[in-house]
Amino acid sequence: MAEPTTTPTTAADRPADVITRFLNLGGSVTELHRTRFTTRWTYSGPPYAAASPYEINGYTWRCLGCAAYGREGDDYNDPGWRKLHEARQDAQDHAAYCRAMPRPVPSPPRRRLIGWRGGRG
């Protein structure tokens, strides 16, 4: 049986919004991303709501093995974090206990040969 090979990834191989990657226990990867999202809370947090929703820069993470993702929590109900160090810590905590193996990359569909007939010489 052939040994699986891994190829190191370079900065050119990953999306531009990925800040860092954490290796999970099972060999999968958790990626920390820059994101922009809409919120209705001020920086003081609930119950201090803004007059209208507004966009802010933030951070989120996604596990490429188990498909878990991170957000700030139920207090804000925002799809990401406002502070990088909090998002990084949560992504790293997930990677420290996640045992998901990397998802297999689907192979391209096979093409059928049409119109070929075996002939006799």
PDB file of N, CA and C in Angstrom:
ATOM      1  N   MET A   1       0.847  -1.171   0.000  1.00  0.00           N
ATOM      2  CA  MET A   1       0.000   0.000   0.000  1.00  0.00           C
ATOM      3  C   MET A   1       0.893   1.235   0.000  1.00  0.00           C
ATOM      4  N   ALA A   2       0.579   2.185  -0.831  1.00  0.00           N
ATOM      5  CA  ALA A   2       1.401   3.382  -0.954  1.00  0.00           C
ATOM      6  C   ALA A   2       1.213   4.280   0.258  1.00  0.00           C
ATOM      7  N   GLU A   3       2.283   4.893   0.680  1.00  0.00           N
ATOM      8  CA  GLU A   3       2.234   5.832   1.792  1.00  0.00           C
ATOM      9  C   GLU A   3       1.627   7.143   1.312  1.00  0.00           C
ATOM     10  N   PRO A   4       0.721   7.749   2.086  1.00  0.00           N
ATOM     11  CA  PRO A   4       0.185   9.046   1.682  1.00  0.00           C
ATOM     12  C   PRO A   4       1.289  10.099   1.752  1.00  0.00           C
ATOM     13  N   THR A   5       1.250  10.997   0.831  1.00  0.00           N
ATOM     14  CA  THR A   5       2.242  12.064   0.820  1.00  0.00           C
ATOM     15  C   THR A   5       1.572  13.375   1.159  1.00  0.00           C
ATOM     16  N   THR A   6       2.308  14.216   1.798  1.00  0.00           N
ATOM     17  CA  THR A   6       1.806  15.548   2.098  1.00  0.00           C
ATOM     18  C   THR A   6       2.734  16.547   1.451  1.00  0.00           C
ATOM     19  N   THR A   7       2.154  17.607   0.984  1.00  0.00           N
ATOM     20  CA  THR A   7       2.961  18.659   0.380  1.00  0.00           C
ATOM     21  C   THR A   7       2.833  19.890   1.246  1.00  0.00           C
ATOM     22  N   PRO A   8       3.956  20.519   1.575  1.00  0.00           N
ATOM     23  CA  PRO A   8       3.867  21.731   2.381  1.00  0.00           C
ATOM     24  C   PRO A   8       3.176  22.839   1.606  1.00  0.00           C
ATOM     25  N   THR A   9       2.382  23.608   2.317  1.00  0.00           N
ATOM     26  CA  THR A   9       1.703  24.722   1.661  1.00  0.00           C
ATOM     27  C   THR A   9       2.504  25.991   1.876  1.00  0.00           C
ATOM     28  N   THR A  10       2.441  26.845   0.909  1.00  0.00           N
ATOM     29  CA  THR A  10       3.119  28.133   1.003  1.00  0.00           C
ATOM     30  C   THR A  10       2.073  29.217   1.107  1.00  0.00           C
ATOM     31  N   ALA A  11       2.518  30.415   1.325  1.00  0.00           N
ATOM     32  CA  ALA A  11       1.580  31.543   1.424  1.00  0.00           C
ATOM     33  C   ALA A  11       0.780  31.700   0.147  1.00  0.00           C
ATOM     34  N   ALA A  12       1.345  31.319  -0.995  1.00  0.00           N
ATOM     35  CA  ALA A  12       0.629  31.440  -2.260  1.00  0.00           C
ATOM     36  C   ALA A  12      -0.491  30.412  -2.382  1.00  0.00           C
ATOM     37  N   ASP A  13      -0.428  29.313  -1.609  1.00  0.00           N
ATOM     38  CA  ASP A  13      -1.427  28.252  -1.690  1.00  0.00           C
ATOM     39  C   ASP A  13      -2.694  28.547  -0.900  1.00  0.00           C
ATOM     40  N   ARG A  14      -2.657  29.476   0.010  1.00  0.00           N
ATOM     41  CA  ARG A  14      -3.817  29.721   0.858  1.00  0.00           C
ATOM     42  C   ARG A  14      -4.503  31.032   0.480  1.00  0.00           C
ATOM     43  N   PRO A  15      -5.801  31.134   0.798  1.00  0.00           N
ATOM     44  CA  PRO A  15      -6.535  32.364   0.481  1.00  0.00           C
ATOM     45  C   PRO A  15      -5.932  33.586   1.175  1.00  0.00           C
ATOM     46  N   ALA A  16      -6.140  34.746   0.604  1.00  0.00           N
ATOM     47  CA  ALA A  16      -5.551  35.981   1.136  1.00  0.00           C
ATOM     48  C   ALA A  16      -6.092  36.343   2.512  1.00  0.00           C
ATOM     49  N   ASP A  17      -7.314  35.917   2.837  1.00  0.00           N
ATOM     50  CA  ASP A  17      -7.899  36.299   4.128  1.00  0.00           C
ATOM     51  C   ASP A  17      -7.467  35.391   5.276  1.00  0.00           C
ATOM     52  N   VAL A  18      -6.707  34.336   5.009  1.00  0.00           N
ATOM     53  CA  VAL A  18      -6.233  33.438   6.065  1.00  0.00           C
ATOM     54  C   VAL A  18      -5.033  34.063   6.753  1.00  0.00           C
ATOM     55  N   ILE A  19      -5.137  34.211   8.072  1.00  0.00           N
ATOM     56  CA  ILE A  19      -4.053  34.793   8.859  1.00  0.00           C
ATOM     57  C   ILE A  19      -3.062  33.716   9.273  1.00  0.00           C
ATOM     58  N   THR A  20      -3.581  32.608   9.810  1.00  0.00           N
ATOM     59  CA  THR A  20      -2.722  31.516  10.259  1.00  0.00           C
ATOM     60  C   THR A  20      -3.504  30.219  10.240  1.00  0.00           C
ATOM     61  N   ARG A  21      -2.770  29.111  10.314  1.00  0.00           N
ATOM     62  CA  ARG A  21      -3.372  27.787  10.356  1.00  0.00           C
ATOM     63  C   ARG A  21      -2.865  27.043  11.578  1.00  0.00           C
ATOM     64  N   PHE A  22      -3.765  26.259  12.197  1.00  0.00           N
ATOM     65  CA  PHE A  22      -3.410  25.439  13.348  1.00  0.00           C
ATOM     66  C   PHE A  22      -3.630  23.981  12.969  1.00  0.00           C
ATOM     67  N   LEU A  23      -2.666  23.120  13.265  1.00  0.00           N
ATOM     68  CA  LEU A  23      -2.770  21.697  12.976  1.00  0.00           C
ATOM     69  C   LEU A  23      -3.539  21.004  14.098  1.00  0.00           C
ATOM     70  N   ASN A  24      -4.598  20.275  13.737  1.00  0.00           N
ATOM     71  CA  ASN A  24      -5.407  19.540  14.706  1.00  0.00           C
ATOM     72  C   ASN A  24      -4.735  18.225  15.070  1.00  0.00           C
ATOM     73  N   LEU A  25      -5.212  17.591  16.119  1.00  0.00           N
ATOM     74  CA  LEU A  25      -4.666  16.303  16.545  1.00  0.00           C
ATOM     75  C   LEU A  25      -4.827  15.220  15.492  1.00  0.00           C
ATOM     76  N   GLY A  26      -5.899  15.265  14.718  1.00  0.00           N
ATOM     77  CA  GLY A  26      -6.162  14.254  13.696  1.00  0.00           C
ATOM     78  C   GLY A  26      -5.493  14.532  12.366  1.00  0.00           C
ATOM     79  N   GLY A  27      -4.802  15.657  12.261  1.00  0.00           N
ATOM     80  CA  GLY A  27      -4.102  15.983  11.024  1.00  0.00           C
ATOM     81  C   GLY A  27      -4.809  17.004  10.157  1.00  0.00           C
ATOM     82  N   SER A  28      -6.010  17.406  10.533  1.00  0.00           N
ATOM     83  CA  SER A  28      -6.718  18.427   9.775  1.00  0.00           C
ATOM     84  C   SER A  28      -6.200  19.806  10.174  1.00  0.00           C
ATOM     85  N   VAL A  29      -6.766  20.839   9.599  1.00  0.00           N
ATOM     86  CA  VAL A  29      -6.289  22.200   9.815  1.00  0.00           C
ATOM     87  C   VAL A  29      -7.443  23.103  10.231  1.00  0.00           C
ATOM     88  N   THR A  30      -7.175  23.999  11.165  1.00  0.00           N
ATOM     89  CA  THR A  30      -8.110  25.057  11.531  1.00  0.00           C
ATOM     90  C   THR A  30      -7.518  26.364  11.045  1.00  0.00           C
ATOM     91  N   GLU A  31      -8.268  27.107  10.225  1.00  0.00           N
ATOM     92  CA  GLU A  31      -7.776  28.355   9.645  1.00  0.00           C
ATOM     93  C   GLU A  31      -8.408  29.559  10.333  1.00  0.00           C
ATOM     94  N   LEU A  32      -7.603  30.554  10.616  1.00  0.00           N
ATOM     95  CA  LEU A  32      -8.061  31.823  11.181  1.00  0.00           C
ATOM     96  C   LEU A  32      -8.135  32.835  10.051  1.00  0.00           C
ATOM     97  N   HIS A  33      -9.311  33.452   9.869  1.00  0.00           N
ATOM     98  CA  HIS A  33      -9.575  34.353   8.744  1.00  0.00           C
ATOM     99  C   HIS A  33      -9.869  35.781   9.199  1.00  0.00           C
ATOM    100  N   ARG A  34      -9.513  36.731   8.350  1.00  0.00           N
ATOM    101  CA  ARG A  34     -10.033  38.099   8.472  1.00  0.00           C
ATOM    102  C   ARG A  34     -11.416  38.092   7.850  1.00  0.00           C
ATOM    103  N   THR A  35     -12.326  38.867   8.424  1.00  0.00           N
ATOM    104  CA  THR A  35     -13.670  38.943   7.858  1.00  0.00           C
ATOM    105  C   THR A  35     -14.257  40.321   8.124  1.00  0.00           C
ATOM    106  N   ARG A  36     -15.299  40.640   7.442  1.00  0.00           N
ATOM    107  CA  ARG A  36     -16.044  41.886   7.661  1.00  0.00           C
ATOM    108  C   ARG A  36     -17.488  41.472   7.874  1.00  0.00           C
ATOM    109  N   PHE A  37     -18.088  41.942   8.968  1.00  0.00           N
ATOM    110  CA  PHE A  37     -19.459  41.543   9.249  1.00  0.00           C
ATOM    111  C   PHE A  37     -20.263  42.711   9.800  1.00  0.00           C
ATOM    112  N   THR A  38     -21.577  42.532   9.770  1.00  0.00           N
ATOM    113  CA  THR A  38     -22.507  43.553  10.243  1.00  0.00           C
ATOM    114  C   THR A  38     -22.908  43.233  11.679  1.00  0.00           C
ATOM    115  N   THR A  39     -22.925  44.257  12.516  1.00  0.00           N
ATOM    116  CA  THR A  39     -23.325  44.088  13.907  1.00  0.00           C
ATOM    117  C   THR A  39     -24.295  45.195  14.291  1.00  0.00           C
ATOM    118  N   ARG A  40     -24.994  44.974  15.370  1.00  0.00           N
ATOM    119  CA  ARG A  40     -25.884  46.017  15.877  1.00  0.00           C
ATOM    120  C   ARG A  40     -25.460  46.459  17.268  1.00  0.00           C
ATOM    121  N   TRP A  41     -24.345  45.891  17.789  1.00  0.00           N
ATOM    122  CA  TRP A  41     -23.879  46.229  19.126  1.00  0.00           C
ATOM    123  C   TRP A  41     -22.733  47.218  19.075  1.00  0.00           C
ATOM    124  N   THR A  42     -22.679  48.108  20.046  1.00  0.00           N
ATOM    125  CA  THR A  42     -21.530  49.003  20.145  1.00  0.00           C
ATOM    126  C   THR A  42     -20.357  48.218  20.718  1.00  0.00           C
ATOM    127  N   TYR A  43     -19.198  48.842  20.801  1.00  0.00           N
ATOM    128  CA  TYR A  43     -18.035  48.147  21.352  1.00  0.00           C
ATOM    129  C   TYR A  43     -18.195  47.852  22.848  1.00  0.00           C
ATOM    130  N   SER A  44     -19.169  48.481  23.499  1.00  0.00           N
ATOM    131  CA  SER A  44     -19.445  48.168  24.903  1.00  0.00           C
ATOM    132  C   SER A  44     -20.193  46.855  25.043  1.00  0.00           C
ATOM    133  N   GLY A  45     -20.756  46.372  23.948  1.00  0.00           N
ATOM    134  CA  GLY A  45     -21.471  45.103  23.966  1.00  0.00           C
ATOM    135  C   GLY A  45     -22.898  45.249  24.444  1.00  0.00           C
ATOM    136  N   PRO A  46     -23.646  44.119  24.493  1.00  0.00           N
ATOM    137  CA  PRO A  46     -25.022  44.174  24.950  1.00  0.00           C
ATOM    138  C   PRO A  46     -25.080  44.703  26.374  1.00  0.00           C
ATOM    139  N   PRO A  47     -26.067  45.431  26.718  1.00  0.00           N
ATOM    140  CA  PRO A  47     -27.266  45.779  25.963  1.00  0.00           C
ATOM    141  C   PRO A  47     -27.141  47.082  25.184  1.00  0.00           C
ATOM    142  N   TYR A  48     -25.925  47.513  24.894  1.00  0.00           N
ATOM    143  CA  TYR A  48     -25.711  48.798  24.214  1.00  0.00           C
ATOM    144  C   TYR A  48     -25.782  48.628  22.710  1.00  0.00           C
ATOM    145  N   ALA A  49     -26.958  48.833  22.165  1.00  0.00           N
ATOM    146  CA  ALA A  49     -27.171  48.673  20.730  1.00  0.00           C
ATOM    147  C   ALA A  49     -26.912  49.987  20.012  1.00  0.00           C
ATOM    148  N   ALA A  50     -26.396  49.878  18.803  1.00  0.00           N
ATOM    149  CA  ALA A  50     -26.173  51.062  17.972  1.00  0.00           C
ATOM    150  C   ALA A  50     -27.510  51.520  17.391  1.00  0.00           C
ATOM    151  N   ALA A  51     -27.533  52.739  16.900  1.00  0.00           N
ATOM    152  CA  ALA A  51     -28.766  53.275  16.321  1.00  0.00           C
ATOM    153  C   ALA A  51     -29.186  52.463  15.093  1.00  0.00           C
ATOM    154  N   SER A  52     -28.217  51.978  14.336  1.00  0.00           N
ATOM    155  CA  SER A  52     -28.502  51.132  13.175  1.00  0.00           C
ATOM    156  C   SER A  52     -27.335  50.159  12.994  1.00  0.00           C
ATOM    157  N   PRO A  53     -27.570  49.032  12.345  1.00  0.00           N
ATOM    158  CA  PRO A  53     -26.477  48.080  12.120  1.00  0.00           C
ATOM    159  C   PRO A  53     -25.354  48.726  11.301  1.00  0.00           C
ATOM    160  N   TYR A  54     -24.123  48.311  11.570  1.00  0.00           N
ATOM    161  CA  TYR A  54     -22.979  48.837  10.840  1.00  0.00           C
ATOM    162  C   TYR A  54     -21.950  47.733  10.642  1.00  0.00           C
ATOM    163  N   GLU A  55     -21.056  47.932   9.675  1.00  0.00           N
ATOM    164  CA  GLU A  55     -20.043  46.930   9.366  1.00  0.00           C
ATOM    165  C   GLU A  55     -18.758  47.191  10.127  1.00  0.00           C
ATOM    166  N   ILE A  56     -18.115  46.098  10.562  1.00  0.00           N
ATOM    167  CA  ILE A  56     -16.820  46.207  11.230  1.00  0.00           C
ATOM    168  C   ILE A  56     -15.888  45.119  10.697  1.00  0.00           C
ATOM    169  N   ASN A  57     -14.599  45.342  10.859  1.00  0.00           N
ATOM    170  CA  ASN A  57     -13.614  44.320  10.544  1.00  0.00           C
ATOM    171  C   ASN A  57     -13.511  43.382  11.727  1.00  0.00           C
ATOM    172  N   GLY A  58     -13.330  42.111  11.452  1.00  0.00           N
ATOM    173  CA  GLY A  58     -13.229  41.154  12.531  1.00  0.00           C
ATOM    174  C   GLY A  58     -12.498  39.904  12.087  1.00  0.00           C
ATOM    175  N   TYR A  59     -12.682  38.833  12.853  1.00  0.00           N
ATOM    176  CA  TYR A  59     -11.958  37.589  12.626  1.00  0.00           C
ATOM    177  C   TYR A  59     -12.879  36.417  12.902  1.00  0.00           C
ATOM    178  N   THR A  60     -12.639  35.320  12.218  1.00  0.00           N
ATOM    179  CA  THR A  60     -13.365  34.083  12.449  1.00  0.00           C
ATOM    180  C   THR A  60     -12.452  32.920  12.109  1.00  0.00           C
ATOM    181  N   TRP A  61     -12.817  31.716  12.531  1.00  0.00           N
ATOM    182  CA  TRP A  61     -12.035  30.535  12.192  1.00  0.00           C
ATOM    183  C   TRP A  61     -12.953  29.432  11.712  1.00  0.00           C
ATOM    184  N   ARG A  62     -12.394  28.501  10.950  1.00  0.00           N
ATOM    185  CA  ARG A  62     -13.136  27.350  10.448  1.00  0.00           C
ATOM    186  C   ARG A  62     -12.218  26.137  10.447  1.00  0.00           C
ATOM    187  N   CYS A  63     -12.730  25.022  10.940  1.00  0.00           N
ATOM    188  CA  CYS A  63     -11.999  23.762  10.932  1.00  0.00           C
ATOM    189  C   CYS A  63     -12.285  23.064   9.601  1.00  0.00           C
ATOM    190  N   LEU A  64     -11.242  22.717   8.873  1.00  0.00           N
ATOM    191  CA  LEU A  64     -11.411  22.055   7.584  1.00  0.00           C
ATOM    192  C   LEU A  64     -11.656  20.557   7.724  1.00  0.00           C
ATOM    193  N   GLY A  65     -11.579  20.041   8.957  1.00  0.00           N
ATOM    194  CA  GLY A  65     -11.839  18.622   9.198  1.00  0.00           C
ATOM    195  C   GLY A  65     -13.261  18.367   9.641  1.00  0.00           C
ATOM    196  N   CYS A  66     -13.683  18.997  10.735  1.00  0.00           N
ATOM    197  CA  CYS A  66     -15.021  18.734  11.292  1.00  0.00           C
ATOM    198  C   CYS A  66     -16.034  19.812  10.906  1.00  0.00           C
ATOM    199  N   ALA A  67     -15.603  20.852  10.209  1.00  0.00           N
ATOM    200  CA  ALA A  67     -16.463  21.942   9.724  1.00  0.00           C
ATOM    201  C   ALA A  67     -16.991  22.840  10.838  1.00  0.00           C
ATOM    202  N   ALA A  68     -16.403  22.759  12.039  1.00  0.00           N
ATOM    203  CA  ALA A  68     -16.787  23.694  13.106  1.00  0.00           C
ATOM    204  C   ALA A  68     -16.275  25.087  12.750  1.00  0.00           C
ATOM    205  N   TYR A  69     -16.913  26.091  13.307  1.00  0.00           N
ATOM    206  CA  TYR A  69     -16.476  27.464  13.066  1.00  0.00           C
ATOM    207  C   TYR A  69     -16.617  28.266  14.346  1.00  0.00           C
ATOM    208  N   GLY A  70     -15.961  29.405  14.383  1.00  0.00           N
ATOM    209  CA  GLY A  70     -15.978  30.209  15.592  1.00  0.00           C
ATOM    210  C   GLY A  70     -16.644  31.555  15.401  1.00  0.00           C
ATOM    211  N   ARG A  71     -17.313  31.973  16.447  1.00  0.00           N
ATOM    212  CA  ARG A  71     -17.884  33.316  16.515  1.00  0.00           C
ATOM    213  C   ARG A  71     -17.837  33.758  17.962  1.00  0.00           C
ATOM    214  N   GLU A  72     -18.106  35.021  18.217  1.00  0.00           N
ATOM    215  CA  GLU A  72     -17.872  35.582  19.545  1.00  0.00           C
ATOM    216  C   GLU A  72     -18.780  35.030  20.627  1.00  0.00           C
ATOM    217  N   GLY A  73     -19.937  34.551  20.282  1.00  0.00           N
ATOM    218  CA  GLY A  73     -20.787  33.954  21.309  1.00  0.00           C
ATOM    219  C   GLY A  73     -22.216  34.403  21.201  1.00  0.00           C
ATOM    220  N   ASP A  74     -23.022  33.929  22.127  1.00  0.00           N
ATOM    221  CA  ASP A  74     -24.451  34.213  22.089  1.00  0.00           C
ATOM    222  C   ASP A  74     -24.787  35.622  22.550  1.00  0.00           C
ATOM    223  N   ASP A  75     -23.865  36.284  23.246  1.00  0.00           N
ATOM    224  CA  ASP A  75     -24.149  37.647  23.690  1.00  0.00           C
ATOM    225  C   ASP A  75     -24.273  38.605  22.511  1.00  0.00           C
ATOM    226  N   TYR A  76     -23.323  38.517  21.590  1.00  0.00           N
ATOM    227  CA  TYR A  76     -23.331  39.425  20.442  1.00  0.00           C
ATOM    228  C   TYR A  76     -24.143  38.884  19.280  1.00  0.00           C
ATOM    229  N   ASN A  77     -24.141  37.564  19.091  1.00  0.00           N
ATOM    230  CA  ASN A  77     -24.738  36.946  17.910  1.00  0.00           C
ATOM    231  C   ASN A  77     -24.112  37.482  16.633  1.00  0.00           C
ATOM    232  N   ASP A  78     -22.842  37.818  16.697  1.00  0.00           N
ATOM    233  CA  ASP A  78     -22.090  38.252  15.527  1.00  0.00           C
ATOM    234  C   ASP A  78     -21.397  37.039  14.910  1.00  0.00           C
ATOM    235  N   PRO A  79     -21.173  37.049  13.615  1.00  0.00           N
ATOM    236  CA  PRO A  79     -20.521  35.903  12.976  1.00  0.00           C
ATOM    237  C   PRO A  79     -19.012  35.872  13.152  1.00  0.00           C
ATOM    238  N   GLY A  80     -18.437  36.762  13.920  1.00  0.00           N
ATOM    239  CA  GLY A  80     -16.995  36.777  14.113  1.00  0.00           C
ATOM    240  C   GLY A  80     -16.605  37.492  15.391  1.00  0.00           C
ATOM    241  N   TRP A  81     -15.308  37.659  15.584  1.00  0.00           N
ATOM    242  CA  TRP A  81     -14.763  38.363  16.742  1.00  0.00           C
ATOM    243  C   TRP A  81     -14.303  39.745  16.335  1.00  0.00           C
ATOM    244  N   ARG A  82     -14.255  40.635  17.295  1.00  0.00           N
ATOM    245  CA  ARG A  82     -13.717  41.969  17.089  1.00  0.00           C
ATOM    246  C   ARG A  82     -12.225  41.993  17.368  1.00  0.00           C
ATOM    247  N   LYS A  83     -11.752  41.121  18.252  1.00  0.00           N
ATOM    248  CA  LYS A  83     -10.354  41.151  18.684  1.00  0.00           C
ATOM    249  C   LYS A  83      -9.619  39.917  18.175  1.00  0.00           C
ATOM    250  N   LEU A  84      -8.467  40.150  17.558  1.00  0.00           N
ATOM    251  CA  LEU A  84      -7.680  39.068  16.975  1.00  0.00           C
ATOM    252  C   LEU A  84      -7.223  38.065  18.026  1.00  0.00           C
ATOM    253  N   HIS A  85      -6.749  38.535  19.172  1.00  0.00           N
ATOM    254  CA  HIS A  85      -6.213  37.602  20.161  1.00  0.00           C
ATOM    255  C   HIS A  85      -7.286  36.653  20.702  1.00  0.00           C
ATOM    256  N   GLU A  86      -8.536  37.100  20.778  1.00  0.00           N
ATOM    257  CA  GLU A  86      -9.613  36.223  21.239  1.00  0.00           C
ATOM    258  C   GLU A  86      -9.951  35.167  20.181  1.00  0.00           C
ATOM    259  N   ALA A  87     -10.009  35.583  18.920  1.00  0.00           N
ATOM    260  CA  ALA A  87     -10.290  34.635  17.839  1.00  0.00           C
ATOM    261  C   ALA A  87      -9.155  33.628  17.710  1.00  0.00           C
ATOM    262  N   ARG A  88      -7.918  34.091  17.812  1.00  0.00           N
ATOM    263  CA  ARG A  88      -6.765  33.196  17.715  1.00  0.00           C
ATOM    264  C   ARG A  88      -6.781  32.172  18.846  1.00  0.00           C
ATOM    265  N   GLN A  89      -7.080  32.610  20.055  1.00  0.00           N
ATOM    266  CA  GLN A  89      -7.101  31.692  21.199  1.00  0.00           C
ATOM    267  C   GLN A  89      -8.186  30.636  21.033  1.00  0.00           C
ATOM    268  N   ASP A  90      -9.358  31.030  20.555  1.00  0.00           N
ATOM    269  CA  ASP A  90     -10.446  30.079  20.370  1.00  0.00           C
ATOM    270  C   ASP A  90     -10.111  29.074  19.264  1.00  0.00           C
ATOM    271  N   ALA A  91      -9.513  29.540  18.176  1.00  0.00           N
ATOM    272  CA  ALA A  91      -9.108  28.634  17.091  1.00  0.00           C
ATOM    273  C   ALA A  91      -8.053  27.651  17.582  1.00  0.00           C
ATOM    274  N   GLN A  92      -7.119  28.139  18.347  1.00  0.00           N
ATOM    275  CA  GLN A  92      -6.068  27.275  18.870  1.00  0.00           C
ATOM    276  C   GLN A  92      -6.639  26.263  19.873  1.00  0.00           C
ATOM    277  N   ASP A  93      -7.584  26.691  20.703  1.00  0.00           N
ATOM    278  CA  ASP A  93      -8.236  25.774  21.643  1.00  0.00           C
ATOM    279  C   ASP A  93      -8.967  24.665  20.891  1.00  0.00           C
ATOM    280  N   HIS A  94      -9.650  25.025  19.798  1.00  0.00           N
ATOM    281  CA  HIS A  94     -10.348  24.005  19.010  1.00  0.00           C
ATOM    282  C   HIS A  94      -9.349  23.014  18.418  1.00  0.00           C
ATOM    283  N   ALA A  95      -8.271  23.522  17.846  1.00  0.00           N
ATOM    284  CA  ALA A  95      -7.268  22.651  17.234  1.00  0.00           C
ATOM    285  C   ALA A  95      -6.620  21.730  18.256  1.00  0.00           C
ATOM    286  N   ALA A  96      -6.549  22.161  19.510  1.00  0.00           N
ATOM    287  CA  ALA A  96      -5.904  21.361  20.549  1.00  0.00           C
ATOM    288  C   ALA A  96      -6.700  20.111  20.909  1.00  0.00           C
ATOM    289  N   TYR A  97      -8.029  20.112  20.687  1.00  0.00           N
ATOM    290  CA  TYR A  97      -8.811  18.926  21.044  1.00  0.00           C
ATOM    291  C   TYR A  97      -9.497  18.253  19.864  1.00  0.00           C
ATOM    292  N   CYS A  98      -9.528  18.866  18.685  1.00  0.00           N
ATOM    293  CA  CYS A  98     -10.210  18.289  17.526  1.00  0.00           C
ATOM    294  C   CYS A  98      -9.383  17.133  16.961  1.00  0.00           C
ATOM    295  N   ARG A  99     -10.031  16.006  16.757  1.00  0.00           N
ATOM    296  CA  ARG A  99      -9.353  14.828  16.221  1.00  0.00           C
ATOM    297  C   ARG A  99      -9.802  14.496  14.800  1.00  0.00           C
ATOM    298  N   ALA A 100     -10.399  15.450  14.139  1.00  0.00           N
ATOM    299  CA  ALA A 100     -10.880  15.211  12.779  1.00  0.00           C
ATOM    300  C   ALA A 100      -9.711  15.037  11.820  1.00  0.00           C
ATOM    301  N   MET A 101      -9.866  14.060  10.950  1.00  0.00           N
ATOM    302  CA  MET A 101      -8.861  13.834   9.915  1.00  0.00           C
ATOM    303  C   MET A 101      -9.192  14.724   8.727  1.00  0.00           C
ATOM    304  N   PRO A 102      -8.210  15.004   7.896  1.00  0.00           N
ATOM    305  CA  PRO A 102      -8.484  15.831   6.718  1.00  0.00           C
ATOM    306  C   PRO A 102      -9.552  15.181   5.841  1.00  0.00           C
ATOM    307  N   ARG A 103     -10.410  15.990   5.288  1.00  0.00           N
ATOM    308  CA  ARG A 103     -11.440  15.476   4.384  1.00  0.00           C
ATOM    309  C   ARG A 103     -10.789  15.077   3.070  1.00  0.00           C
ATOM    310  N   PRO A 104     -11.230  13.972   2.476  1.00  0.00           N
ATOM    311  CA  PRO A 104     -10.622  13.555   1.209  1.00  0.00           C
ATOM    312  C   PRO A 104     -10.981  14.529   0.095  1.00  0.00           C
ATOM    313  N   VAL A 105     -10.042  14.710  -0.778  1.00  0.00           N
ATOM    314  CA  VAL A 105     -10.276  15.558  -1.946  1.00  0.00           C
ATOM    315  C   VAL A 105     -10.938  14.687  -2.997  1.00  0.00           C
ATOM    316  N   PRO A 106     -12.121  15.075  -3.484  1.00  0.00           N
ATOM    317  CA  PRO A 106     -12.797  14.223  -4.464  1.00  0.00           C
ATOM    318  C   PRO A 106     -11.989  14.158  -5.759  1.00  0.00           C
ATOM    319  N   SER A 107     -11.942  12.976  -6.325  1.00  0.00           N
ATOM    320  CA  SER A 107     -11.229  12.826  -7.595  1.00  0.00           C
ATOM    321  C   SER A 107     -12.142  13.293  -8.716  1.00  0.00           C
ATOM    322  N   PRO A 108     -11.546  13.766  -9.803  1.00  0.00           N
ATOM    323  CA  PRO A 108     -12.383  14.227 -10.915  1.00  0.00           C
ATOM    324  C   PRO A 108     -13.153  13.053 -11.510  1.00  0.00           C
ATOM    325  N   PRO A 109     -14.339  13.307 -12.032  1.00  0.00           N
ATOM    326  CA  PRO A 109     -15.131  12.213 -12.602  1.00  0.00           C
ATOM    327  C   PRO A 109     -14.414  11.593 -13.797  1.00  0.00           C
ATOM    328  N   ARG A 110     -14.582  10.300 -13.937  1.00  0.00           N
ATOM    329  CA  ARG A 110     -13.983   9.619 -15.078  1.00  0.00           C
ATOM    330  C   ARG A 110     -14.800   9.887 -16.318  1.00  0.00           C
ATOM    331  N   ARG A 111     -14.102  10.008 -17.408  1.00  0.00           N
ATOM    332  CA  ARG A 111     -14.790  10.235 -18.676  1.00  0.00           C
ATOM    333  C   ARG A 111     -14.935   8.904 -19.387  1.00  0.00           C
ATOM    334  N   ARG A 112     -16.066   8.701 -19.947  1.00  0.00           N
ATOM    335  CA  ARG A 112     -16.314   7.473 -20.695  1.00  0.00           C
ATOM    336  C   ARG A 112     -15.840   7.644 -22.121  1.00  0.00           C
ATOM    337  N   LEU A 113     -15.288   6.606 -22.622  1.00  0.00           N
ATOM    338  CA  LEU A 113     -14.915   6.608 -24.030  1.00  0.00           C
ATOM    339  C   LEU A 113     -16.146   6.253 -24.843  1.00  0.00           C
ATOM    340  N   ILE A 114     -16.510   7.141 -25.720  1.00  0.00           N
ATOM    341  CA  ILE A 114     -17.705   6.929 -26.521  1.00  0.00           C
ATOM    342  C   ILE A 114     -17.272   6.762 -27.970  1.00  0.00           C
ATOM    343  N   GLY A 115     -17.817   5.785 -28.608  1.00  0.00           N
ATOM    344  CA  GLY A 115     -17.566   5.586 -30.033  1.00  0.00           C
ATOM    345  C   GLY A 115     -16.379   4.695 -30.328  1.00  0.00           C
ATOM    346  N   TRP A 116     -15.721   4.188 -29.326  1.00  0.00           N
ATOM    347  CA  TRP A 116     -14.602   3.286 -29.574  1.00  0.00           C
ATOM    348  C   TRP A 116     -15.134   1.873 -29.680  1.00  0.00           C
ATOM    349  N   ARG A 117     -14.731   1.189 -30.670  1.00  0.00           N
ATOM    350  CA  ARG A 117     -15.138  -0.204 -30.837  1.00  0.00           C
ATOM    351  C   ARG A 117     -13.894  -1.026 -31.111  1.00  0.00           C
ATOM    352  N   GLY A 118     -13.865  -2.112 -30.472  1.00  0.00           N
ATOM    353  CA  GLY A 118     -12.753  -3.017 -30.737  1.00  0.00           C
ATOM    354  C   GLY A 118     -12.954  -3.686 -32.090  1.00  0.00           C
ATOM    355  N   GLY A 119     -11.989  -3.597 -32.923  1.00  0.00           N
ATOM    356  CA  GLY A 119     -12.139  -4.182 -34.263  1.00  0.00           C
ATOM    357  C   GLY A 119     -11.197  -5.350 -34.432  1.00  0.00           C
ATOM    358  N   ARG A 120     -11.485  -6.098 -35.436  1.00  0.00           N
ATOM    359  CA  ARG A 120     -10.603  -7.208 -35.749  1.00  0.00           C
ATOM    360  C   ARG A 120      -9.733  -6.789 -36.915  1.00  0.00           C
ATOM    361  N   GLY A 121      -8.482  -7.141 -36.762  1.00  0.00           N
ATOM    362  CA  GLY A 121      -7.450  -6.766 -37.672  1.00  0.00           C
ATOM    363  C   GLY A 121      -7.711  -6.953 -39.046  1.00  0.00           C
TER     364      GLY A 121
END
